[in-house]
Amino acid sequence: MPRLIILIAVAAIALILWHKITKTSGEERKKLVMWSIIGGVLAVLGMLAVTGHLNVITAAIAGLIALLPRAMQLVKYLPFISRLYQQNKAGPQQAQTPPPNGKQTMSTEEAMEILGLKPGYKGEDVIQAHRRMMQKVHPDRGGSDYLAAQINKAKDTLLG
């Protein structure tokens, strides 16, 4: 029976707080929400202390304090993680668009330079050079989409 009374009291307090929070606005609402959360946490800690279950919270806090030095070591990776998240958030479309170079076509000299060929090359040389370069810069192996596209364009220019 006492548990039922406590449950009804908690529900009534929550309902009153909810009503007050919905009626207020702006900075007053933020204060009310913050004090409600603080009051709720203190009430839960008080109930745990009265019932003798506070040792669970104490053990959890001690464990978190013990892990704090390890967590501080991970803080140095936060800028990297945020950059990685923003790159993933931008989507693959941005990663696949080549930087603007102002040219749409590739000259034979540029194609030979990209594939590392000298004048007097044969079709077989182009295919071998293309295969060799693609093994180095293919996107599936951690390479760049832009470089792979340039290598393909160079091959098409020299063979086409």
N, C-alpha and C. Protein backbone atom coordinates (compact mmCIF):
# COMPACT_ATOMS: atom_id res chain seq x y z
N MET A 1 0.81 -1.21 0.00
CA MET A 1 0.00 0.00 0.00
C MET A 1 0.86 1.27 0.00
N PRO A 2 1.96 1.30 0.78
CA PRO A 2 2.78 2.52 0.75
C PRO A 2 3.37 2.78 -0.64
N ARG A 3 3.68 1.73 -1.37
CA ARG A 3 4.22 1.92 -2.71
C ARG A 3 3.19 2.56 -3.64
N LEU A 4 1.96 2.17 -3.50
CA LEU A 4 0.91 2.75 -4.31
C LEU A 4 0.72 4.23 -4.01
N ILE A 5 0.80 4.59 -2.74
CA ILE A 5 0.68 6.01 -2.35
C ILE A 5 1.84 6.81 -2.91
N ILE A 6 3.05 6.26 -2.83
CA ILE A 6 4.22 6.96 -3.37
C ILE A 6 4.08 7.11 -4.89
N LEU A 7 3.62 6.07 -5.55
CA LEU A 7 3.44 6.12 -7.00
C LEU A 7 2.41 7.18 -7.39
N ILE A 8 1.32 7.28 -6.67
CA ILE A 8 0.29 8.29 -6.95
C ILE A 8 0.85 9.69 -6.70
N ALA A 9 1.63 9.85 -5.64
CA ALA A 9 2.22 11.15 -5.33
C ALA A 9 3.21 11.58 -6.42
N VAL A 10 4.03 10.65 -6.88
CA VAL A 10 4.99 10.95 -7.94
C VAL A 10 4.25 11.32 -9.23
N ALA A 11 3.21 10.59 -9.55
CA ALA A 11 2.43 10.89 -10.75
C ALA A 11 1.77 12.26 -10.65
N ALA A 12 1.25 12.61 -9.46
CA ALA A 12 0.63 13.92 -9.28
C ALA A 12 1.66 15.04 -9.41
N ILE A 13 2.83 14.86 -8.84
CA ILE A 13 3.88 15.88 -8.95
C ILE A 13 4.32 16.03 -10.40
N ALA A 14 4.47 14.91 -11.10
CA ALA A 14 4.87 14.96 -12.51
C ALA A 14 3.82 15.67 -13.35
N LEU A 15 2.54 15.42 -13.06
CA LEU A 15 1.46 16.06 -13.80
C LEU A 15 1.44 17.57 -13.54
N ILE A 16 1.63 17.96 -12.30
CA ILE A 16 1.67 19.40 -11.97
C ILE A 16 2.85 20.07 -12.66
N LEU A 17 4.03 19.44 -12.62
CA LEU A 17 5.20 20.00 -13.30
C LEU A 17 4.97 20.10 -14.80
N TRP A 18 4.40 19.07 -15.39
CA TRP A 18 4.12 19.08 -16.81
C TRP A 18 3.19 20.24 -17.17
N HIS A 19 2.17 20.45 -16.36
CA HIS A 19 1.23 21.54 -16.60
C HIS A 19 1.94 22.89 -16.50
N LYS A 20 2.79 23.06 -15.48
CA LYS A 20 3.51 24.33 -15.32
C LYS A 20 4.49 24.57 -16.45
N ILE A 21 5.19 23.52 -16.88
CA ILE A 21 6.17 23.66 -17.95
C ILE A 21 5.48 24.04 -19.27
N THR A 22 4.33 23.44 -19.55
CA THR A 22 3.65 23.77 -20.80
C THR A 22 3.07 25.18 -20.79
N LYS A 23 2.77 25.73 -19.61
CA LYS A 23 2.19 27.08 -19.53
C LYS A 23 3.25 28.18 -19.61
N THR A 24 4.50 27.87 -19.21
CA THR A 24 5.54 28.89 -19.24
C THR A 24 6.26 28.86 -20.57
N SER A 25 7.06 29.90 -20.83
CA SER A 25 7.80 29.94 -22.09
C SER A 25 9.15 30.60 -21.88
N GLY A 26 10.03 30.37 -22.84
CA GLY A 26 11.33 31.03 -22.85
C GLY A 26 12.26 30.57 -21.74
N GLU A 27 12.93 31.57 -21.15
CA GLU A 27 13.95 31.32 -20.14
C GLU A 27 13.36 30.69 -18.88
N GLU A 28 12.16 31.07 -18.55
CA GLU A 28 11.50 30.50 -17.35
C GLU A 28 11.27 29.00 -17.53
N ARG A 29 10.92 28.59 -18.75
CA ARG A 29 10.70 27.16 -19.03
C ARG A 29 12.01 26.39 -18.85
N LYS A 30 13.12 26.94 -19.35
CA LYS A 30 14.42 26.27 -19.20
C LYS A 30 14.77 26.08 -17.73
N LYS A 31 14.55 27.14 -16.94
CA LYS A 31 14.84 27.03 -15.50
C LYS A 31 13.97 25.96 -14.85
N LEU A 32 12.69 25.96 -15.20
CA LEU A 32 11.76 25.00 -14.59
C LEU A 32 12.13 23.57 -14.97
N VAL A 33 12.50 23.35 -16.21
CA VAL A 33 12.90 22.01 -16.64
C VAL A 33 14.17 21.59 -15.92
N MET A 34 15.16 22.50 -15.83
CA MET A 34 16.42 22.17 -15.16
C MET A 34 16.17 21.82 -13.68
N TRP A 35 15.39 22.64 -12.99
CA TRP A 35 15.13 22.37 -11.58
C TRP A 35 14.28 21.12 -11.39
N SER A 36 13.43 20.81 -12.35
CA SER A 36 12.64 19.57 -12.27
C SER A 36 13.55 18.36 -12.39
N ILE A 37 14.49 18.43 -13.31
CA ILE A 37 15.43 17.31 -13.48
C ILE A 37 16.29 17.15 -12.24
N ILE A 38 16.81 18.26 -11.73
CA ILE A 38 17.64 18.19 -10.52
C ILE A 38 16.83 17.64 -9.35
N GLY A 39 15.61 18.13 -9.21
CA GLY A 39 14.75 17.64 -8.12
C GLY A 39 14.43 16.16 -8.28
N GLY A 40 14.20 15.72 -9.51
CA GLY A 40 13.92 14.30 -9.75
C GLY A 40 15.10 13.42 -9.42
N VAL A 41 16.28 13.87 -9.81
CA VAL A 41 17.49 13.08 -9.50
C VAL A 41 17.70 13.01 -7.99
N LEU A 42 17.54 14.14 -7.32
CA LEU A 42 17.70 14.14 -5.86
C LEU A 42 16.64 13.28 -5.19
N ALA A 43 15.42 13.29 -5.69
CA ALA A 43 14.36 12.46 -5.12
C ALA A 43 14.68 10.97 -5.30
N VAL A 44 15.18 10.62 -6.49
CA VAL A 44 15.55 9.21 -6.72
C VAL A 44 16.70 8.81 -5.81
N LEU A 45 17.71 9.68 -5.67
CA LEU A 45 18.82 9.37 -4.76
C LEU A 45 18.34 9.25 -3.33
N GLY A 46 17.41 10.11 -2.93
CA GLY A 46 16.84 10.01 -1.57
C GLY A 46 16.10 8.70 -1.36
N MET A 47 15.31 8.30 -2.34
CA MET A 47 14.58 7.02 -2.22
C MET A 47 15.55 5.84 -2.17
N LEU A 48 16.61 5.91 -2.98
CA LEU A 48 17.60 4.83 -2.94
C LEU A 48 18.32 4.79 -1.60
N ALA A 49 18.58 5.95 -1.03
CA ALA A 49 19.24 5.98 0.28
C ALA A 49 18.32 5.43 1.36
N VAL A 50 17.05 5.78 1.32
CA VAL A 50 16.09 5.32 2.33
C VAL A 50 15.89 3.81 2.24
N THR A 51 15.84 3.27 1.01
CA THR A 51 15.60 1.84 0.86
C THR A 51 16.88 1.00 0.93
N GLY A 52 18.04 1.66 1.01
CA GLY A 52 19.29 0.92 1.15
C GLY A 52 19.89 0.47 -0.16
N HIS A 53 19.47 1.03 -1.27
CA HIS A 53 20.00 0.65 -2.58
C HIS A 53 20.96 1.68 -3.17
N LEU A 54 21.45 2.58 -2.36
CA LEU A 54 22.34 3.62 -2.85
C LEU A 54 23.72 3.07 -3.21
N ASN A 55 24.05 1.90 -2.70
CA ASN A 55 25.36 1.32 -3.00
C ASN A 55 25.55 1.05 -4.49
N VAL A 56 24.48 0.81 -5.22
CA VAL A 56 24.57 0.58 -6.66
C VAL A 56 25.04 1.86 -7.35
N ILE A 57 24.47 2.98 -6.95
CA ILE A 57 24.86 4.26 -7.54
C ILE A 57 26.31 4.59 -7.18
N THR A 58 26.68 4.34 -5.94
CA THR A 58 28.04 4.60 -5.50
C THR A 58 29.04 3.77 -6.30
N ALA A 59 28.72 2.51 -6.53
CA ALA A 59 29.61 1.65 -7.32
C ALA A 59 29.70 2.15 -8.77
N ALA A 60 28.60 2.59 -9.34
CA ALA A 60 28.63 3.10 -10.71
C ALA A 60 29.47 4.36 -10.81
N ILE A 61 29.35 5.25 -9.85
CA ILE A 61 30.14 6.49 -9.86
C ILE A 61 31.63 6.15 -9.70
N ALA A 62 31.95 5.21 -8.82
CA ALA A 62 33.34 4.81 -8.64
C ALA A 62 33.91 4.20 -9.92
N GLY A 63 33.11 3.42 -10.60
CA GLY A 63 33.56 2.83 -11.86
C GLY A 63 33.80 3.89 -12.92
N LEU A 64 32.92 4.88 -12.98
CA LEU A 64 33.10 5.96 -13.95
C LEU A 64 34.34 6.77 -13.65
N ILE A 65 34.60 7.01 -12.38
CA ILE A 65 35.80 7.75 -12.00
C ILE A 65 37.05 6.96 -12.37
N ALA A 66 37.00 5.63 -12.22
CA ALA A 66 38.14 4.79 -12.57
C ALA A 66 38.39 4.81 -14.08
N LEU A 67 37.34 4.95 -14.88
CA LEU A 67 37.49 4.98 -16.34
C LEU A 67 37.77 6.37 -16.89
N LEU A 68 37.74 7.38 -16.06
CA LEU A 68 37.93 8.76 -16.51
C LEU A 68 39.28 8.99 -17.21
N PRO A 69 40.41 8.47 -16.68
CA PRO A 69 41.68 8.69 -17.40
C PRO A 69 41.66 8.12 -18.82
N ARG A 70 41.04 6.96 -19.02
CA ARG A 70 40.94 6.37 -20.35
C ARG A 70 40.07 7.24 -21.26
N ALA A 71 39.00 7.76 -20.70
CA ALA A 71 38.10 8.61 -21.48
C ALA A 71 38.81 9.89 -21.88
N MET A 72 39.67 10.41 -21.02
CA MET A 72 40.39 11.64 -21.34
C MET A 72 41.37 11.41 -22.50
N GLN A 73 41.89 10.19 -22.62
CA GLN A 73 42.77 9.88 -23.74
C GLN A 73 42.01 9.89 -25.06
N LEU A 74 40.73 9.55 -25.01
CA LEU A 74 39.92 9.51 -26.22
C LEU A 74 39.49 10.90 -26.67
N VAL A 75 39.59 11.89 -25.79
CA VAL A 75 39.15 13.24 -26.12
C VAL A 75 39.97 13.82 -27.27
N LYS A 76 41.22 13.42 -27.38
CA LYS A 76 42.06 13.97 -28.45
C LYS A 76 41.57 13.55 -29.83
N TYR A 77 40.74 12.52 -29.91
CA TYR A 77 40.22 12.07 -31.19
C TYR A 77 38.90 12.76 -31.58
N LEU A 78 38.37 13.60 -30.74
CA LEU A 78 37.08 14.23 -31.03
C LEU A 78 37.09 15.07 -32.30
N PRO A 79 38.11 15.89 -32.58
CA PRO A 79 38.08 16.64 -33.84
C PRO A 79 38.05 15.73 -35.06
N PHE A 80 38.80 14.64 -35.02
CA PHE A 80 38.80 13.69 -36.12
C PHE A 80 37.43 13.06 -36.30
N ILE A 81 36.81 12.67 -35.19
CA ILE A 81 35.49 12.04 -35.25
C ILE A 81 34.46 13.02 -35.79
N SER A 82 34.52 14.28 -35.38
CA SER A 82 33.53 15.25 -35.87
C SER A 82 33.75 15.51 -37.37
N ARG A 83 35.01 15.57 -37.82
CA ARG A 83 35.26 15.73 -39.26
C ARG A 83 34.74 14.53 -40.04
N LEU A 84 34.97 13.34 -39.51
CA LEU A 84 34.51 12.13 -40.17
C LEU A 84 32.99 12.11 -40.25
N TYR A 85 32.33 12.51 -39.17
CA TYR A 85 30.87 12.55 -39.15
C TYR A 85 30.35 13.54 -40.18
N GLN A 86 30.98 14.70 -40.29
CA GLN A 86 30.52 15.70 -41.25
C GLN A 86 30.77 15.25 -42.68
N GLN A 87 31.85 14.50 -42.93
CA GLN A 87 32.08 13.98 -44.27
C GLN A 87 31.01 12.95 -44.63
N ASN A 88 30.68 12.07 -43.67
CA ASN A 88 29.64 11.08 -43.92
C ASN A 88 28.28 11.74 -44.08
N LYS A 89 28.05 12.81 -43.35
CA LYS A 89 26.78 13.52 -43.42
C LYS A 89 26.63 14.20 -44.77
N ALA A 90 27.76 14.66 -45.36
CA ALA A 90 27.71 15.31 -46.66
C ALA A 90 27.30 14.34 -47.75
N GLY A 91 27.56 13.08 -47.56
CA GLY A 91 27.13 12.06 -48.52
C GLY A 91 28.18 11.77 -49.56
N PRO A 92 27.97 10.69 -50.28
CA PRO A 92 28.95 10.29 -51.28
C PRO A 92 28.98 11.19 -52.50
N GLN A 93 27.91 11.98 -52.74
CA GLN A 93 27.91 12.84 -53.91
C GLN A 93 29.05 13.85 -53.84
N GLN A 94 29.28 14.42 -52.68
CA GLN A 94 30.32 15.42 -52.55
C GLN A 94 31.70 14.80 -52.71
N ALA A 95 31.89 13.59 -52.21
CA ALA A 95 33.19 12.94 -52.27
C ALA A 95 33.53 12.53 -53.71
N GLN A 96 32.52 12.30 -54.57
CA GLN A 96 32.79 11.81 -55.91
C GLN A 96 32.93 12.94 -56.92
N THR A 97 32.56 14.15 -56.59
CA THR A 97 32.68 15.23 -57.55
C THR A 97 34.13 15.68 -57.63
N PRO A 98 34.67 15.74 -58.82
CA PRO A 98 36.08 16.14 -58.96
C PRO A 98 36.24 17.63 -58.71
N PRO A 99 37.42 18.05 -58.32
CA PRO A 99 37.64 19.48 -58.17
C PRO A 99 37.56 20.15 -59.53
N PRO A 100 37.05 21.36 -59.57
CA PRO A 100 36.91 22.01 -60.87
C PRO A 100 38.28 22.35 -61.46
N ASN A 101 38.48 21.97 -62.72
CA ASN A 101 39.74 22.29 -63.36
C ASN A 101 39.53 23.13 -64.62
N GLY A 102 38.30 23.40 -64.97
CA GLY A 102 38.01 24.26 -66.09
C GLY A 102 38.07 23.56 -67.44
N LYS A 103 38.59 22.33 -67.53
CA LYS A 103 38.71 21.60 -68.79
C LYS A 103 37.79 20.40 -68.76
N GLN A 104 37.21 20.12 -69.91
CA GLN A 104 36.37 18.93 -70.03
C GLN A 104 37.09 17.83 -70.80
N THR A 105 38.00 18.21 -71.68
CA THR A 105 38.72 17.22 -72.48
C THR A 105 40.16 17.12 -72.00
N MET A 106 40.78 16.00 -72.34
CA MET A 106 42.16 15.76 -71.92
C MET A 106 43.01 15.62 -73.18
N SER A 107 44.14 16.27 -73.17
CA SER A 107 45.04 16.17 -74.33
C SER A 107 45.80 14.85 -74.26
N THR A 108 46.38 14.48 -75.39
CA THR A 108 47.16 13.24 -75.46
C THR A 108 48.38 13.32 -74.56
N GLU A 109 49.00 14.50 -74.47
CA GLU A 109 50.18 14.68 -73.61
C GLU A 109 49.81 14.49 -72.13
N GLU A 110 48.68 15.06 -71.74
CA GLU A 110 48.24 14.89 -70.34
C GLU A 110 47.94 13.43 -70.04
N ALA A 111 47.29 12.76 -71.00
CA ALA A 111 46.95 11.35 -70.80
C ALA A 111 48.21 10.51 -70.67
N MET A 112 49.22 10.79 -71.51
CA MET A 112 50.48 10.04 -71.42
C MET A 112 51.18 10.32 -70.10
N GLU A 113 51.11 11.54 -69.63
CA GLU A 113 51.74 11.89 -68.35
C GLU A 113 51.04 11.19 -67.18
N ILE A 114 49.72 11.13 -67.23
CA ILE A 114 48.97 10.48 -66.16
C ILE A 114 49.31 9.00 -66.09
N LEU A 115 49.37 8.36 -67.25
CA LEU A 115 49.65 6.91 -67.26
C LEU A 115 51.13 6.59 -67.24
N GLY A 116 51.98 7.61 -67.33
CA GLY A 116 53.42 7.38 -67.28
C GLY A 116 53.97 6.78 -68.54
N LEU A 117 53.42 7.13 -69.69
CA LEU A 117 53.86 6.57 -70.97
C LEU A 117 54.73 7.58 -71.70
N LYS A 118 55.55 7.04 -72.61
CA LYS A 118 56.42 7.87 -73.45
C LYS A 118 55.87 7.85 -74.88
N PRO A 119 56.28 8.80 -75.70
CA PRO A 119 55.82 8.77 -77.10
C PRO A 119 56.24 7.46 -77.77
N GLY A 120 55.39 6.98 -78.66
CA GLY A 120 55.65 5.71 -79.33
C GLY A 120 55.04 4.54 -78.59
N TYR A 121 54.08 4.80 -77.74
CA TYR A 121 53.42 3.74 -76.96
C TYR A 121 52.53 2.92 -77.88
N LYS A 122 52.20 1.72 -77.42
CA LYS A 122 51.29 0.83 -78.14
C LYS A 122 50.01 0.69 -77.32
N GLY A 123 49.00 0.13 -77.91
CA GLY A 123 47.72 -0.09 -77.20
C GLY A 123 47.89 -1.00 -76.00
N GLU A 124 48.77 -1.99 -76.15
CA GLU A 124 49.06 -2.90 -75.04
C GLU A 124 49.70 -2.15 -73.87
N ASP A 125 50.58 -1.17 -74.18
CA ASP A 125 51.23 -0.37 -73.14
C ASP A 125 50.21 0.45 -72.36
N VAL A 126 49.23 0.98 -73.08
CA VAL A 126 48.19 1.78 -72.42
C VAL A 126 47.39 0.90 -71.46
N ILE A 127 47.03 -0.28 -71.91
CA ILE A 127 46.24 -1.18 -71.06
C ILE A 127 47.04 -1.60 -69.83
N GLN A 128 48.32 -1.91 -70.02
CA GLN A 128 49.17 -2.30 -68.89
C GLN A 128 49.33 -1.15 -67.90
N ALA A 129 49.58 0.06 -68.41
CA ALA A 129 49.75 1.22 -67.53
C ALA A 129 48.45 1.54 -66.79
N HIS A 130 47.33 1.42 -67.49
CA HIS A 130 46.03 1.66 -66.85
C HIS A 130 45.80 0.67 -65.73
N ARG A 131 46.06 -0.60 -65.99
CA ARG A 131 45.86 -1.64 -64.98
C ARG A 131 46.76 -1.39 -63.77
N ARG A 132 48.00 -1.04 -64.02
CA ARG A 132 48.97 -0.79 -62.94
C ARG A 132 48.53 0.41 -62.08
N MET A 133 48.10 1.49 -62.73
CA MET A 133 47.69 2.68 -61.99
C MET A 133 46.39 2.45 -61.22
N MET A 134 45.46 1.72 -61.82
CA MET A 134 44.18 1.48 -61.15
C MET A 134 44.36 0.59 -59.92
N GLN A 135 45.34 -0.30 -59.93
CA GLN A 135 45.60 -1.11 -58.75
C GLN A 135 46.06 -0.24 -57.59
N LYS A 136 46.70 0.88 -57.90
CA LYS A 136 47.19 1.77 -56.84
C LYS A 136 46.12 2.70 -56.30
N VAL A 137 45.26 3.23 -57.18
CA VAL A 137 44.36 4.30 -56.76
C VAL A 137 42.88 3.95 -56.86
N HIS A 138 42.53 2.69 -56.99
CA HIS A 138 41.12 2.32 -57.11
C HIS A 138 40.37 2.67 -55.82
N PRO A 139 39.16 3.23 -55.93
CA PRO A 139 38.39 3.62 -54.74
C PRO A 139 38.08 2.46 -53.79
N ASP A 140 37.96 1.26 -54.30
CA ASP A 140 37.71 0.10 -53.43
C ASP A 140 38.91 -0.24 -52.57
N ARG A 141 40.08 0.26 -52.94
CA ARG A 141 41.30 0.01 -52.16
C ARG A 141 41.73 1.26 -51.39
N GLY A 142 40.81 2.17 -51.20
CA GLY A 142 41.11 3.37 -50.43
C GLY A 142 41.61 4.54 -51.25
N GLY A 143 41.53 4.41 -52.56
CA GLY A 143 41.98 5.49 -53.43
C GLY A 143 40.91 6.53 -53.66
N SER A 144 41.21 7.42 -54.56
CA SER A 144 40.33 8.56 -54.84
C SER A 144 39.47 8.29 -56.06
N ASP A 145 38.20 8.68 -55.98
CA ASP A 145 37.32 8.58 -57.13
C ASP A 145 37.80 9.48 -58.27
N TYR A 146 38.29 10.63 -57.91
CA TYR A 146 38.74 11.60 -58.90
C TYR A 146 39.94 11.05 -59.68
N LEU A 147 40.92 10.50 -58.96
CA LEU A 147 42.11 9.96 -59.65
C LEU A 147 41.74 8.78 -60.54
N ALA A 148 40.85 7.93 -60.07
CA ALA A 148 40.43 6.79 -60.88
C ALA A 148 39.73 7.28 -62.15
N ALA A 149 38.92 8.32 -62.03
CA ALA A 149 38.24 8.87 -63.20
C ALA A 149 39.25 9.47 -64.18
N GLN A 150 40.27 10.14 -63.65
CA GLN A 150 41.29 10.72 -64.51
C GLN A 150 42.07 9.63 -65.25
N ILE A 151 42.38 8.54 -64.56
CA ILE A 151 43.10 7.43 -65.20
C ILE A 151 42.23 6.80 -66.28
N ASN A 152 40.95 6.61 -66.01
CA ASN A 152 40.04 6.08 -67.02
C ASN A 152 39.93 7.02 -68.21
N LYS A 153 39.86 8.30 -67.94
CA LYS A 153 39.77 9.30 -69.03
C LYS A 153 41.05 9.28 -69.88
N ALA A 154 42.20 9.13 -69.21
CA ALA A 154 43.46 9.06 -69.95
C ALA A 154 43.50 7.83 -70.85
N LYS A 155 43.05 6.70 -70.35
CA LYS A 155 43.01 5.48 -71.16
C LYS A 155 42.09 5.66 -72.36
N ASP A 156 40.91 6.22 -72.12
CA ASP A 156 39.96 6.44 -73.20
C ASP A 156 40.52 7.41 -74.25
N THR A 157 41.24 8.42 -73.78
CA THR A 157 41.83 9.41 -74.69
C THR A 157 42.88 8.75 -75.58
N LEU A 158 43.72 7.91 -75.00
CA LEU A 158 44.81 7.30 -75.77
C LEU A 158 44.34 6.16 -76.66
N LEU A 159 43.33 5.44 -76.23
CA LEU A 159 42.84 4.31 -77.04
C LEU A 159 41.73 4.72 -77.99
N GLY A 160 41.02 5.80 -77.64
CA GLY A 160 39.86 6.19 -78.44
C GLY A 160 40.21 7.16 -79.46
